[in-house]
């Protein structure tokens, strides 16, 4: 931004200097002020919401969801509006990751920001990498979290997307991001 503003002001100064040094006997036209580009506005975080969560706090939610050793009923609090009927899907998610060769996983959260349409919720890009990135790949998804009892939980909409994705895949190659092609089965 500073470089652009300097370029605009330099151009205006050059035009003004050329206008002043015009032919003798001709009145110089006053320089036309160059428009100054407005600084981009960044919405201030809502003061009453406190700080954004640490990336580790959001990753912890997903680590617990992916842990096949944690029973489904113990995972209900990790997702908005779950019921005991959801425990089978929660158990299946962790088991699918483990049995598909994707576990243990590495989870990172980045680009954490307040959600515009859902006050108090945060959006984050979650990147999940399998135990062997060359074999299992990596994927990144935008996910939404909401505060709950001093902690964070996935929104129901995000959980539905994630659990459906986990149940739809049975092979160990999961790659939404560009990467090398998957090896042929048995080779």
Foldseek 3Di string as FASTA:
>chain_A
DVVVQVVLVVVQVVVQVDQPPDDPPDDRDHGDRGDGDDDDDDDDADPVLDDFDDFVQVVVLVQVLLALVDFQVVNQVQEPPDDPVCRVLSNLLNVLCVQQQQPPKDKTWDPWDADDVDGQKIKTWIKIAGPDCVAQNIDIDIFIWHDDPNGIHGYNVRVVVSSVVSVVDRHRHDYPDDDDDHDDPPD
